[in-house]
């Protein structure tokens, strides 16, 4: 099975390594891709564990009728191997009740205890 993140690798050689703890995502974008894949396969534990402790929800509900179909990375700011913070702008496509939809977000990531964590969406200027 191809990895849902769209990187072009088999799931077992790609995001599964992050999901099972075999390899920590080295960049903010790789964490973004691993989180998208976790949504696509329904891995609540990985999603909660990769959320920053200051913004992590107590629980996470994943709608069963929603199917994630494609991830597009639009832009990234910092978030590299030696950075402490970064952003990843993306569009996540899905199908729900026979209709197509999308979620667009510019996500903030920071390192916590040496690991990349999802902090939340970046505020958009009004």
PDB file of N, CA and C in Angstrom:
ATOM      1  N   UNK A   1       0.853  -1.181   0.000  1.00  0.00           N
ATOM      2  CA  UNK A   1       0.000   0.000   0.000  1.00  0.00           C
ATOM      3  C   UNK A   1       0.897   1.241   0.000  1.00  0.00           C
ATOM      4  N   UNK A   2       0.598   2.190  -0.895  1.00  0.00           N
ATOM      5  CA  UNK A   2       1.321   3.459  -0.925  1.00  0.00           C
ATOM      6  C   UNK A   2       0.968   4.267   0.324  1.00  0.00           C
ATOM      7  N   UNK A   3       1.928   5.019   0.797  1.00  0.00           N
ATOM      8  CA  UNK A   3       1.713   5.837   1.980  1.00  0.00           C
ATOM      9  C   UNK A   3       0.712   6.949   1.669  1.00  0.00           C
ATOM     10  N   UNK A   4      -0.254   7.175   2.552  1.00  0.00           N
ATOM     11  CA  UNK A   4      -1.237   8.243   2.316  1.00  0.00           C
ATOM     12  C   UNK A   4      -0.625   9.635   2.199  1.00  0.00           C
ATOM     13  N   UNK A   5       0.584   9.847   2.735  1.00  0.00           N
ATOM     14  CA  UNK A   5       1.173  11.190   2.755  1.00  0.00           C
ATOM     15  C   UNK A   5       1.522  11.714   1.369  1.00  0.00           C
ATOM     16  N   UNK A   6       1.571  10.827   0.378  1.00  0.00           N
ATOM     17  CA  UNK A   6       1.844  11.262  -0.986  1.00  0.00           C
ATOM     18  C   UNK A   6       3.318  11.377  -1.322  1.00  0.00           C
ATOM     19  N   UNK A   7       4.195  10.908  -0.451  1.00  0.00           N
ATOM     20  CA  UNK A   7       5.625  10.997  -0.705  1.00  0.00           C
ATOM     21  C   UNK A   7       6.081  10.024  -1.781  1.00  0.00           C
ATOM     22  N   UNK A   8       5.265   9.003  -2.069  1.00  0.00           N
ATOM     23  CA  UNK A   8       5.583   8.067  -3.138  1.00  0.00           C
ATOM     24  C   UNK A   8       6.233   6.780  -2.679  1.00  0.00           C
ATOM     25  N   UNK A   9       6.309   6.567  -1.381  1.00  0.00           N
ATOM     26  CA  UNK A   9       6.901   5.354  -0.827  1.00  0.00           C
ATOM     27  C   UNK A   9       5.799   4.432  -0.307  1.00  0.00           C
ATOM     28  N   UNK A  10       6.107   3.143  -0.150  1.00  0.00           N
ATOM     29  CA  UNK A  10       5.151   2.260   0.528  1.00  0.00           C
ATOM     30  C   UNK A  10       4.965   2.724   1.978  1.00  0.00           C
ATOM     31  N   UNK A  11       3.775   2.548   2.514  1.00  0.00           N
ATOM     32  CA  UNK A  11       3.474   2.993   3.874  1.00  0.00           C
ATOM     33  C   UNK A  11       4.482   2.450   4.882  1.00  0.00           C
ATOM     34  N   UNK A  12       4.820   1.170   4.802  1.00  0.00           N
ATOM     35  CA  UNK A  12       5.730   0.550   5.768  1.00  0.00           C
ATOM     36  C   UNK A  12       7.125   1.189   5.755  1.00  0.00           C
ATOM     37  N   UNK A  13       7.544   1.731   4.618  1.00  0.00           N
ATOM     38  CA  UNK A  13       8.861   2.360   4.509  1.00  0.00           C
ATOM     39  C   UNK A  13       8.798   3.869   4.735  1.00  0.00           C
ATOM     40  N   UNK A  14       7.615   4.377   4.967  1.00  0.00           N
ATOM     41  CA  UNK A  14       7.429   5.831   5.072  1.00  0.00           C
ATOM     42  C   UNK A  14       6.862   6.178   6.452  1.00  0.00           C
ATOM     43  N   UNK A  15       5.627   6.600   6.519  1.00  0.00           N
ATOM     44  CA  UNK A  15       5.033   7.096   7.760  1.00  0.00           C
ATOM     45  C   UNK A  15       4.831   6.029   8.829  1.00  0.00           C
ATOM     46  N   UNK A  16       4.753   4.767   8.454  1.00  0.00           N
ATOM     47  CA  UNK A  16       4.616   3.704   9.460  1.00  0.00           C
ATOM     48  C   UNK A  16       5.796   3.727  10.423  1.00  0.00           C
ATOM     49  N   UNK A  17       6.951   4.121   9.952  1.00  0.00           N
ATOM     50  CA  UNK A  17       8.147   4.176  10.802  1.00  0.00           C
ATOM     51  C   UNK A  17       7.967   5.217  11.916  1.00  0.00           C
ATOM     52  N   UNK A  18       7.310   6.323  11.604  1.00  0.00           N
ATOM     53  CA  UNK A  18       7.008   7.321  12.634  1.00  0.00           C
ATOM     54  C   UNK A  18       5.888   6.814  13.541  1.00  0.00           C
ATOM     55  N   UNK A  19       4.867   6.232  12.954  1.00  0.00           N
ATOM     56  CA  UNK A  19       3.710   5.762  13.733  1.00  0.00           C
ATOM     57  C   UNK A  19       4.092   4.693  14.748  1.00  0.00           C
ATOM     58  N   UNK A  20       5.056   3.856  14.417  1.00  0.00           N
ATOM     59  CA  UNK A  20       5.470   2.784  15.328  1.00  0.00           C
ATOM     60  C   UNK A  20       6.617   3.195  16.243  1.00  0.00           C
ATOM     61  N   UNK A  21       7.143   4.405  16.078  1.00  0.00           N
ATOM     62  CA  UNK A  21       8.241   4.888  16.906  1.00  0.00           C
ATOM     63  C   UNK A  21       9.615   4.436  16.442  1.00  0.00           C
ATOM     64  N   UNK A  22       9.697   3.808  15.269  1.00  0.00           N
ATOM     65  CA  UNK A  22      10.990   3.367  14.744  1.00  0.00           C
ATOM     66  C   UNK A  22      11.871   4.535  14.336  1.00  0.00           C
ATOM     67  N   UNK A  23      11.247   5.630  13.876  1.00  0.00           N
ATOM     68  CA  UNK A  23      12.010   6.789  13.420  1.00  0.00           C
ATOM     69  C   UNK A  23      11.217   8.052  13.721  1.00  0.00           C
ATOM     70  N   UNK A  24      11.853   9.014  14.378  1.00  0.00           N
ATOM     71  CA  UNK A  24      11.209  10.291  14.641  1.00  0.00           C
ATOM     72  C   UNK A  24      11.254  11.145  13.383  1.00  0.00           C
ATOM     73  N   UNK A  25      10.179  11.856  13.067  1.00  0.00           N
ATOM     74  CA  UNK A  25      10.213  12.763  11.924  1.00  0.00           C
ATOM     75  C   UNK A  25      11.301  13.820  12.120  1.00  0.00           C
ATOM     76  N   UNK A  26      12.228  13.955  11.163  1.00  0.00           N
ATOM     77  CA  UNK A  26      13.347  14.879  11.332  1.00  0.00           C
ATOM     78  C   UNK A  26      13.023  16.338  11.028  1.00  0.00           C
ATOM     79  N   UNK A  27      11.900  16.592  10.362  1.00  0.00           N
ATOM     80  CA  UNK A  27      11.527  17.957   9.984  1.00  0.00           C
ATOM     81  C   UNK A  27      10.052  18.192  10.289  1.00  0.00           C
ATOM     82  N   UNK A  28       9.670  19.461  10.300  1.00  0.00           N
ATOM     83  CA  UNK A  28       8.257  19.801  10.503  1.00  0.00           C
ATOM     84  C   UNK A  28       7.396  19.213   9.377  1.00  0.00           C
ATOM     85  N   UNK A  29       7.887  19.277   8.137  1.00  0.00           N
ATOM     86  CA  UNK A  29       7.100  18.721   7.032  1.00  0.00           C
ATOM     87  C   UNK A  29       6.927  17.214   7.168  1.00  0.00           C
ATOM     88  N   UNK A  30       7.960  16.507   7.595  1.00  0.00           N
ATOM     89  CA  UNK A  30       7.818  15.060   7.743  1.00  0.00           C
ATOM     90  C   UNK A  30       6.827  14.726   8.854  1.00  0.00           C
ATOM     91  N   UNK A  31       6.775  15.545   9.909  1.00  0.00           N
ATOM     92  CA  UNK A  31       5.752  15.327  10.935  1.00  0.00           C
ATOM     93  C   UNK A  31       4.373  15.632  10.367  1.00  0.00           C
ATOM     94  N   UNK A  32       4.251  16.691   9.564  1.00  0.00           N
ATOM     95  CA  UNK A  32       2.968  17.010   8.941  1.00  0.00           C
ATOM     96  C   UNK A  32       2.475  15.822   8.110  1.00  0.00           C
ATOM     97  N   UNK A  33       3.366  15.247   7.303  1.00  0.00           N
ATOM     98  CA  UNK A  33       3.002  14.103   6.474  1.00  0.00           C
ATOM     99  C   UNK A  33       2.614  12.887   7.323  1.00  0.00           C
ATOM    100  N   UNK A  34       3.361  12.650   8.397  1.00  0.00           N
ATOM    101  CA  UNK A  34       3.047  11.522   9.279  1.00  0.00           C
ATOM    102  C   UNK A  34       1.703  11.732   9.971  1.00  0.00           C
ATOM    103  N   UNK A  35       1.404  12.959  10.359  1.00  0.00           N
ATOM    104  CA  UNK A  35       0.105  13.252  10.992  1.00  0.00           C
ATOM    105  C   UNK A  35      -1.033  13.084   9.993  1.00  0.00           C
ATOM    106  N   UNK A  36      -0.844  13.554   8.764  1.00  0.00           N
ATOM    107  CA  UNK A  36      -1.875  13.351   7.747  1.00  0.00           C
ATOM    108  C   UNK A  36      -2.138  11.856   7.559  1.00  0.00           C
ATOM    109  N   UNK A  37      -1.067  11.072   7.446  1.00  0.00           N
ATOM    110  CA  UNK A  37      -1.224   9.629   7.282  1.00  0.00           C
ATOM    111  C   UNK A  37      -1.940   9.009   8.475  1.00  0.00           C
ATOM    112  N   UNK A  38      -1.649   9.520   9.672  1.00  0.00           N
ATOM    113  CA  UNK A  38      -2.329   9.016  10.869  1.00  0.00           C
ATOM    114  C   UNK A  38      -3.824   9.313  10.805  1.00  0.00           C
ATOM    115  N   UNK A  39      -4.187  10.489  10.319  1.00  0.00           N
ATOM    116  CA  UNK A  39      -5.612  10.775  10.116  1.00  0.00           C
ATOM    117  C   UNK A  39      -6.195   9.799   9.095  1.00  0.00           C
ATOM    118  N   UNK A  40      -5.479   9.567   8.014  1.00  0.00           N
ATOM    119  CA  UNK A  40      -5.979   8.707   6.933  1.00  0.00           C
ATOM    120  C   UNK A  40      -6.199   7.266   7.388  1.00  0.00           C
ATOM    121  N   UNK A  41      -5.360   6.774   8.294  1.00  0.00           N
ATOM    122  CA  UNK A  41      -5.514   5.382   8.744  1.00  0.00           C
ATOM    123  C   UNK A  41      -6.209   5.280  10.100  1.00  0.00           C
ATOM    124  N   UNK A  42      -6.520   6.424  10.719  1.00  0.00           N
ATOM    125  CA  UNK A  42      -7.250   6.418  11.980  1.00  0.00           C
ATOM    126  C   UNK A  42      -6.405   6.143  13.209  1.00  0.00           C
ATOM    127  N   UNK A  43      -5.159   6.590  13.212  1.00  0.00           N
ATOM    128  CA  UNK A  43      -4.244   6.355  14.338  1.00  0.00           C
ATOM    129  C   UNK A  43      -4.335   7.509  15.340  1.00  0.00           C
ATOM    130  N   UNK A  44      -5.344   7.475  16.218  1.00  0.00           N
ATOM    131  CA  UNK A  44      -5.555   8.524  17.224  1.00  0.00           C
ATOM    132  C   UNK A  44      -4.353   8.687  18.153  1.00  0.00           C
ATOM    133  N   UNK A  45      -3.776   7.564  18.578  1.00  0.00           N
ATOM    134  CA  UNK A  45      -2.659   7.626  19.524  1.00  0.00           C
ATOM    135  C   UNK A  45      -1.499   8.437  18.958  1.00  0.00           C
ATOM    136  N   UNK A  46      -1.152   8.187  17.697  1.00  0.00           N
ATOM    137  CA  UNK A  46      -0.050   8.944  17.104  1.00  0.00           C
ATOM    138  C   UNK A  46      -0.400  10.427  17.021  1.00  0.00           C
ATOM    139  N   UNK A  47      -1.618  10.723  16.627  1.00  0.00           N
ATOM    140  CA  UNK A  47      -2.018  12.124  16.521  1.00  0.00           C
ATOM    141  C   UNK A  47      -1.903  12.836  17.871  1.00  0.00           C
ATOM    142  N   UNK A  48      -2.405  12.228  18.909  1.00  0.00           N
ATOM    143  CA  UNK A  48      -2.334  12.851  20.232  1.00  0.00           C
ATOM    144  C   UNK A  48      -0.893  12.935  20.727  1.00  0.00           C
ATOM    145  N   UNK A  49      -0.106  11.900  20.513  1.00  0.00           N
ATOM    146  CA  UNK A  49       1.287  11.904  20.977  1.00  0.00           C
ATOM    147  C   UNK A  49       2.166  12.893  20.220  1.00  0.00           C
ATOM    148  N   UNK A  50       1.782  13.243  18.994  1.00  0.00           N
ATOM    149  CA  UNK A  50       2.583  14.187  18.202  1.00  0.00           C
ATOM    150  C   UNK A  50       2.089  15.628  18.341  1.00  0.00           C
ATOM    151  N   UNK A  51       1.106  15.842  19.202  1.00  0.00           N
ATOM    152  CA  UNK A  51       0.554  17.171  19.482  1.00  0.00           C
ATOM    153  C   UNK A  51       1.353  17.797  20.619  1.00  0.00           C
ATOM    154  N   UNK A  52       1.645  19.070  20.558  1.00  0.00           N
ATOM    155  CA  UNK A  52       2.368  19.760  21.624  1.00  0.00           C
ATOM    156  C   UNK A  52       1.554  19.697  22.919  1.00  0.00           C
ATOM    157  N   UNK A  53       2.229  19.498  24.028  1.00  0.00           N
ATOM    158  CA  UNK A  53       1.533  19.327  25.307  1.00  0.00           C
ATOM    159  C   UNK A  53       0.683  20.538  25.697  1.00  0.00           C
ATOM    160  N   UNK A  54       1.036  21.737  25.230  1.00  0.00           N
ATOM    161  CA  UNK A  54       0.280  22.939  25.606  1.00  0.00           C
ATOM    162  C   UNK A  54      -1.027  23.098  24.833  1.00  0.00           C
ATOM    163  N   UNK A  55      -1.185  22.381  23.724  1.00  0.00           N
ATOM    164  CA  UNK A  55      -2.403  22.526  22.906  1.00  0.00           C
ATOM    165  C   UNK A  55      -3.103  21.188  22.649  1.00  0.00           C
ATOM    166  N   UNK A  56      -2.571  20.100  23.170  1.00  0.00           N
ATOM    167  CA  UNK A  56      -3.119  18.763  22.934  1.00  0.00           C
ATOM    168  C   UNK A  56      -4.510  18.629  23.548  1.00  0.00           C
ATOM    169  N   UNK A  57      -5.489  18.182  22.762  1.00  0.00           N
ATOM    170  CA  UNK A  57      -6.821  17.956  23.327  1.00  0.00           C
ATOM    171  C   UNK A  57      -6.817  16.707  24.218  1.00  0.00           C
ATOM    172  N   UNK A  58      -7.767  16.636  25.129  1.00  0.00           N
ATOM    173  CA  UNK A  58      -7.869  15.482  26.024  1.00  0.00           C
ATOM    174  C   UNK A  58      -8.261  14.225  25.251  1.00  0.00           C
ATOM    175  N   UNK A  59      -9.059  14.402  24.226  1.00  0.00           N
ATOM    176  CA  UNK A  59      -9.464  13.281  23.379  1.00  0.00           C
ATOM    177  C   UNK A  59      -9.643  13.774  21.951  1.00  0.00           C
ATOM    178  N   UNK A  60      -9.704  12.836  21.034  1.00  0.00           N
ATOM    179  CA  UNK A  60      -9.799  13.186  19.616  1.00  0.00           C
ATOM    180  C   UNK A  60     -10.781  12.238  18.946  1.00  0.00           C
ATOM    181  N   UNK A  61     -11.789  12.797  18.340  1.00  0.00           N
ATOM    182  CA  UNK A  61     -12.773  12.006  17.606  1.00  0.00           C
ATOM    183  C   UNK A  61     -12.445  12.072  16.120  1.00  0.00           C
ATOM    184  N   UNK A  62     -12.413  10.928  15.467  1.00  0.00           N
ATOM    185  CA  UNK A  62     -12.173  10.865  14.027  1.00  0.00           C
ATOM    186  C   UNK A  62     -13.446  10.363  13.354  1.00  0.00           C
ATOM    187  N   UNK A  63     -14.091  11.215  12.545  1.00  0.00           N
ATOM    188  CA  UNK A  63     -15.335  10.805  11.890  1.00  0.00           C
ATOM    189  C   UNK A  63     -15.120   9.574  10.993  1.00  0.00           C
ATOM    190  N   UNK A  64     -15.905   8.538  11.226  1.00  0.00           N
ATOM    191  CA  UNK A  64     -15.752   7.300  10.464  1.00  0.00           C
ATOM    192  C   UNK A  64     -16.128   7.444   8.995  1.00  0.00           C
ATOM    193  N   UNK A  65     -17.053   8.351   8.678  1.00  0.00           N
ATOM    194  CA  UNK A  65     -17.516   8.498   7.304  1.00  0.00           C
ATOM    195  C   UNK A  65     -16.588   9.374   6.452  1.00  0.00           C
ATOM    196  N   UNK A  66     -15.588   9.994   7.068  1.00  0.00           N
ATOM    197  CA  UNK A  66     -14.661  10.863   6.349  1.00  0.00           C
ATOM    198  C   UNK A  66     -13.447  10.046   5.906  1.00  0.00           C
ATOM    199  N   UNK A  67     -13.095  10.163   4.618  1.00  0.00           N
ATOM    200  CA  UNK A  67     -11.939   9.452   4.073  1.00  0.00           C
ATOM    201  C   UNK A  67     -10.988  10.467   3.458  1.00  0.00           C
ATOM    202  N   UNK A  68      -9.775  10.535   4.008  1.00  0.00           N
ATOM    203  CA  UNK A  68      -8.750  11.445   3.486  1.00  0.00           C
ATOM    204  C   UNK A  68      -8.191  10.861   2.204  1.00  0.00           C
ATOM    205  N   UNK A  69      -8.104  11.683   1.148  1.00  0.00           N
ATOM    206  CA  UNK A  69      -7.741  11.162  -0.171  1.00  0.00           C
ATOM    207  C   UNK A  69      -6.422  11.683  -0.730  1.00  0.00           C
ATOM    208  N   UNK A  70      -5.980  12.871  -0.299  1.00  0.00           N
ATOM    209  CA  UNK A  70      -4.752  13.419  -0.894  1.00  0.00           C
ATOM    210  C   UNK A  70      -4.250  14.590  -0.070  1.00  0.00           C
ATOM    211  N   UNK A  71      -2.932  14.706   0.008  1.00  0.00           N
ATOM    212  CA  UNK A  71      -2.286  15.811   0.709  1.00  0.00           C
ATOM    213  C   UNK A  71      -1.458  16.611  -0.276  1.00  0.00           C
ATOM    214  N   UNK A  72      -1.619  17.921  -0.239  1.00  0.00           N
ATOM    215  CA  UNK A  72      -0.791  18.838  -1.026  1.00  0.00           C
ATOM    216  C   UNK A  72      -0.053  19.754  -0.056  1.00  0.00           C
ATOM    217  N   UNK A  73       1.264  19.755  -0.135  1.00  0.00           N
ATOM    218  CA  UNK A  73       2.057  20.704   0.637  1.00  0.00           C
ATOM    219  C   UNK A  73       2.234  21.946  -0.238  1.00  0.00           C
ATOM    220  N   UNK A  74       1.777  23.098   0.247  1.00  0.00           N
ATOM    221  CA  UNK A  74       1.824  24.336  -0.527  1.00  0.00           C
ATOM    222  C   UNK A  74       3.075  25.156  -0.231  1.00  0.00           C
ATOM    223  N   UNK A  75       3.487  25.176   1.040  1.00  0.00           N
ATOM    224  CA  UNK A  75       4.629  26.009   1.424  1.00  0.00           C
ATOM    225  C   UNK A  75       5.145  25.517   2.767  1.00  0.00           C
ATOM    226  N   UNK A  76       6.368  25.874   3.056  1.00  0.00           N
ATOM    227  CA  UNK A  76       6.967  25.562   4.350  1.00  0.00           C
ATOM    228  C   UNK A  76       7.870  26.722   4.737  1.00  0.00           C
ATOM    229  N   UNK A  77       7.926  26.983   6.032  1.00  0.00           N
ATOM    230  CA  UNK A  77       8.796  28.024   6.566  1.00  0.00           C
ATOM    231  C   UNK A  77       9.618  27.447   7.701  1.00  0.00           C
ATOM    232  N   UNK A  78      10.918  27.432   7.515  1.00  0.00           N
ATOM    233  CA  UNK A  78      11.839  26.832   8.490  1.00  0.00           C
ATOM    234  C   UNK A  78      11.408  25.386   8.743  1.00  0.00           C
ATOM    235  N   UNK A  79      11.582  24.901   9.970  1.00  0.00           N
ATOM    236  CA  UNK A  79      11.169  23.536  10.282  1.00  0.00           C
ATOM    237  C   UNK A  79      12.146  22.475   9.831  1.00  0.00           C
ATOM    238  N   UNK A  80      13.399  22.868   9.565  1.00  0.00           N
ATOM    239  CA  UNK A  80      14.401  21.926   9.093  1.00  0.00           C
ATOM    240  C   UNK A  80      15.102  21.188  10.219  1.00  0.00           C
ATOM    241  N   UNK A  81      16.130  20.474   9.861  1.00  0.00           N
ATOM    242  CA  UNK A  81      16.861  19.629  10.804  1.00  0.00           C
ATOM    243  C   UNK A  81      17.402  20.385  12.013  1.00  0.00           C
ATOM    244  N   UNK A  82      17.805  21.644  11.831  1.00  0.00           N
ATOM    245  CA  UNK A  82      18.428  22.390  12.912  1.00  0.00           C
ATOM    246  C   UNK A  82      17.542  23.504  13.462  1.00  0.00           C
ATOM    247  N   UNK A  83      16.303  23.590  12.994  1.00  0.00           N
ATOM    248  CA  UNK A  83      15.372  24.617  13.457  1.00  0.00           C
ATOM    249  C   UNK A  83      14.634  24.150  14.708  1.00  0.00           C
ATOM    250  N   UNK A  84      14.100  25.116  15.430  1.00  0.00           N
ATOM    251  CA  UNK A  84      13.296  24.820  16.620  1.00  0.00           C
ATOM    252  C   UNK A  84      11.807  25.034  16.373  1.00  0.00           C
ATOM    253  N   UNK A  85      11.478  25.696  15.274  1.00  0.00           N
ATOM    254  CA  UNK A  85      10.082  25.975  14.935  1.00  0.00           C
ATOM    255  C   UNK A  85       9.947  26.020  13.419  1.00  0.00           C
ATOM    256  N   UNK A  86       8.742  25.841  12.952  1.00  0.00           N
ATOM    257  CA  UNK A  86       8.499  25.909  11.521  1.00  0.00           C
ATOM    258  C   UNK A  86       7.011  25.889  11.228  1.00  0.00           C
ATOM    259  N   UNK A  87       6.683  26.168   9.981  1.00  0.00           N
ATOM    260  CA  UNK A  87       5.292  26.119   9.529  1.00  0.00           C
ATOM    261  C   UNK A  87       5.211  25.277   8.257  1.00  0.00           C
ATOM    262  N   UNK A  88       4.048  24.674   8.064  1.00  0.00           N
ATOM    263  CA  UNK A  88       3.771  23.921   6.842  1.00  0.00           C
ATOM    264  C   UNK A  88       2.351  24.267   6.417  1.00  0.00           C
ATOM    265  N   UNK A  89       2.239  24.862   5.227  1.00  0.00           N
ATOM    266  CA  UNK A  89       0.919  25.161   4.678  1.00  0.00           C
ATOM    267  C   UNK A  89       0.516  24.005   3.772  1.00  0.00           C
ATOM    268  N   UNK A  90      -0.713  23.541   3.946  1.00  0.00           N
ATOM    269  CA  UNK A  90      -1.157  22.364   3.205  1.00  0.00           C
ATOM    270  C   UNK A  90      -2.635  22.451   2.862  1.00  0.00           C
ATOM    271  N   UNK A  91      -3.027  21.602   1.932  1.00  0.00           N
ATOM    272  CA  UNK A  91      -4.432  21.329   1.642  1.00  0.00           C
ATOM    273  C   UNK A  91      -4.605  19.821   1.747  1.00  0.00           C
ATOM    274  N   UNK A  92      -5.513  19.393   2.615  1.00  0.00           N
ATOM    275  CA  UNK A  92      -5.834  17.979   2.777  1.00  0.00           C
ATOM    276  C   UNK A  92      -7.205  17.740   2.151  1.00  0.00           C
ATOM    277  N   UNK A  93      -7.248  16.859   1.175  1.00  0.00           N
ATOM    278  CA  UNK A  93      -8.490  16.563   0.458  1.00  0.00           C
ATOM    279  C   UNK A  93      -9.156  15.347   1.084  1.00  0.00           C
ATOM    280  N   UNK A  94     -10.488  15.357   1.080  1.00  0.00           N
ATOM    281  CA  UNK A  94     -11.228  14.240   1.662  1.00  0.00           C
ATOM    282  C   UNK A  94     -12.547  14.020   0.925  1.00  0.00           C
ATOM    283  N   UNK A  95     -13.161  12.880   1.240  1.00  0.00           N
ATOM    284  CA  UNK A  95     -14.509  12.566   0.763  1.00  0.00           C
ATOM    285  C   UNK A  95     -15.347  12.260   1.988  1.00  0.00           C
ATOM    286  N   UNK A  96     -16.535  12.824   2.016  1.00  0.00           N
ATOM    287  CA  UNK A  96     -17.458  12.588   3.120  1.00  0.00           C
ATOM    288  C   UNK A  96     -18.871  12.549   2.562  1.00  0.00           C
ATOM    289  N   UNK A  97     -19.562  11.464   2.852  1.00  0.00           N
ATOM    290  CA  UNK A  97     -20.933  11.285   2.360  1.00  0.00           C
ATOM    291  C   UNK A  97     -21.038  11.502   0.857  1.00  0.00           C
ATOM    292  N   UNK A  98     -20.047  11.005   0.112  1.00  0.00           N
ATOM    293  CA  UNK A  98     -20.065  11.090  -1.341  1.00  0.00           C
ATOM    294  C   UNK A  98     -19.647  12.429  -1.915  1.00  0.00           C
ATOM    295  N   UNK A  99     -19.278  13.372  -1.068  1.00  0.00           N
ATOM    296  CA  UNK A  99     -18.874  14.699  -1.543  1.00  0.00           C
ATOM    297  C   UNK A  99     -17.410  14.954  -1.250  1.00  0.00           C
ATOM    298  N   UNK A 100     -16.780  15.688  -2.142  1.00  0.00           N
ATOM    299  CA  UNK A 100     -15.376  16.067  -1.952  1.00  0.00           C
ATOM    300  C   UNK A 100     -15.294  17.326  -1.103  1.00  0.00           C
ATOM    301  N   UNK A 101     -14.230  17.421  -0.325  1.00  0.00           N
ATOM    302  CA  UNK A 101     -13.982  18.605   0.472  1.00  0.00           C
ATOM    303  C   UNK A 101     -12.494  18.763   0.685  1.00  0.00           C
ATOM    304  N   UNK A 102     -12.126  19.836   1.339  1.00  0.00           N
ATOM    305  CA  UNK A 102     -10.721  20.060   1.627  1.00  0.00           C
ATOM    306  C   UNK A 102     -10.565  20.888   2.892  1.00  0.00           C
ATOM    307  N   UNK A 103      -9.448  20.675   3.550  1.00  0.00           N
ATOM    308  CA  UNK A 103      -9.067  21.475   4.702  1.00  0.00           C
ATOM    309  C   UNK A 103      -7.746  22.133   4.365  1.00  0.00           C
ATOM    310  N   UNK A 104      -7.711  23.442   4.480  1.00  0.00           N
ATOM    311  CA  UNK A 104      -6.482  24.188   4.227  1.00  0.00           C
ATOM    312  C   UNK A 104      -6.026  24.807   5.542  1.00  0.00           C
ATOM    313  N   UNK A 105      -4.736  24.679   5.820  1.00  0.00           N
ATOM    314  CA  UNK A 105      -4.207  25.192   7.074  1.00  0.00           C
ATOM    315  C   UNK A 105      -2.727  25.523   6.912  1.00  0.00           C
ATOM    316  N   UNK A 106      -2.277  26.504   7.651  1.00  0.00           N
ATOM    317  CA  UNK A 106      -0.854  26.776   7.798  1.00  0.00           C
ATOM    318  C   UNK A 106      -0.521  26.387   9.234  1.00  0.00           C
ATOM    319  N   UNK A 107       0.026  25.196   9.408  1.00  0.00           N
ATOM    320  CA  UNK A 107       0.264  24.620  10.724  1.00  0.00           C
ATOM    321  C   UNK A 107       1.583  25.078  11.312  1.00  0.00           C
ATOM    322  N   UNK A 108       1.596  25.253  12.643  1.00  0.00           N
ATOM    323  CA  UNK A 108       2.809  25.602  13.367  1.00  0.00           C
ATOM    324  C   UNK A 108       3.343  24.351  14.069  1.00  0.00           C
ATOM    325  N   UNK A 109       4.641  24.186  13.988  1.00  0.00           N
ATOM    326  CA  UNK A 109       5.328  23.070  14.622  1.00  0.00           C
ATOM    327  C   UNK A 109       6.491  23.606  15.435  1.00  0.00           C
ATOM    328  N   UNK A 110       6.737  22.991  16.581  1.00  0.00           N
ATOM    329  CA  UNK A 110       7.881  23.342  17.417  1.00  0.00           C
ATOM    330  C   UNK A 110       8.478  22.061  17.986  1.00  0.00           C
ATOM    331  N   UNK A 111       9.713  22.177  18.411  1.00  0.00           N
ATOM    332  CA  UNK A 111      10.341  21.030  19.075  1.00  0.00           C
ATOM    333  C   UNK A 111       9.984  21.060  20.554  1.00  0.00           C
ATOM    334  N   UNK A 112       9.649  19.897  21.065  1.00  0.00           N
ATOM    335  CA  UNK A 112       9.376  19.717  22.484  1.00  0.00           C
ATOM    336  C   UNK A 112      10.098  18.439  22.897  1.00  0.00           C
ATOM    337  N   UNK A 113      10.960  18.535  23.878  1.00  0.00           N
ATOM    338  CA  UNK A 113      11.762  17.379  24.309  1.00  0.00           C
ATOM    339  C   UNK A 113      12.532  16.770  23.139  1.00  0.00           C
ATOM    340  N   UNK A 114      13.009  17.635  22.241  1.00  0.00           N
ATOM    341  CA  UNK A 114      13.814  17.189  21.115  1.00  0.00           C
ATOM    342  C   UNK A 114      13.045  16.622  19.934  1.00  0.00           C
ATOM    343  N   UNK A 115      11.721  16.594  20.022  1.00  0.00           N
ATOM    344  CA  UNK A 115      10.903  16.039  18.943  1.00  0.00           C
ATOM    345  C   UNK A 115       9.983  17.107  18.365  1.00  0.00           C
ATOM    346  N   UNK A 116       9.740  17.007  17.062  1.00  0.00           N
ATOM    347  CA  UNK A 116       8.781  17.913  16.441  1.00  0.00           C
ATOM    348  C   UNK A 116       7.388  17.589  16.955  1.00  0.00           C
ATOM    349  N   UNK A 117       6.618  18.635  17.250  1.00  0.00           N
ATOM    350  CA  UNK A 117       5.240  18.498  17.710  1.00  0.00           C
ATOM    351  C   UNK A 117       4.368  19.515  16.973  1.00  0.00           C
ATOM    352  N   UNK A 118       3.134  19.123  16.727  1.00  0.00           N
ATOM    353  CA  UNK A 118       2.138  20.024  16.138  1.00  0.00           C
ATOM    354  C   UNK A 118       1.655  20.966  17.223  1.00  0.00           C
ATOM    355  N   UNK A 119       1.751  22.273  16.980  1.00  0.00           N
ATOM    356  CA  UNK A 119       1.306  23.275  17.946  1.00  0.00           C
ATOM    357  C   UNK A 119      -0.103  23.756  17.653  1.00  0.00           C
ATOM    358  N   UNK A 120      -0.420  23.960  16.370  1.00  0.00           N
ATOM    359  CA  UNK A 120      -1.753  24.428  15.991  1.00  0.00           C
ATOM    360  C   UNK A 120      -1.678  25.248  14.724  1.00  0.00           C
ATOM    361  N   UNK A 121      -2.816  25.744  14.265  1.00  0.00           N
ATOM    362  CA  UNK A 121      -2.824  26.573  13.057  1.00  0.00           C
ATOM    363  C   UNK A 121      -2.225  27.947  13.338  1.00  0.00           C
ATOM    364  N   UNK A 122      -1.543  28.479  12.330  1.00  0.00           N
ATOM    365  CA  UNK A 122      -0.996  29.826  12.428  1.00  0.00           C
ATOM    366  C   UNK A 122      -2.119  30.815  12.188  1.00  0.00           C
ATOM    367  N   UNK A 123      -2.174  31.843  13.014  1.00  0.00           N
ATOM    368  CA  UNK A 123      -3.194  32.866  12.841  1.00  0.00           C
ATOM    369  C   UNK A 123      -3.012  33.555  11.500  1.00  0.00           C
ATOM    370  N   UNK A 124      -4.109  33.748  10.808  1.00  0.00           N
ATOM    371  CA  UNK A 124      -4.091  34.414   9.507  1.00  0.00           C
ATOM    372  C   UNK A 124      -4.454  35.875   9.715  1.00  0.00           C
ATOM    373  N   UNK A 125      -3.627  36.803   9.218  1.00  0.00           N
ATOM    374  CA  UNK A 125      -3.952  38.229   9.399  1.00  0.00           C
ATOM    375  C   UNK A 125      -5.298  38.566   8.760  1.00  0.00           C
ATOM    376  N   UNK A 126      -6.051  39.422   9.425  1.00  0.00           N
ATOM    377  CA  UNK A 126      -7.373  39.797   8.870  1.00  0.00           C
ATOM    378  C   UNK A 126      -7.317  41.089   8.117  1.00  0.00           C
TER     379      UNK A 126
END
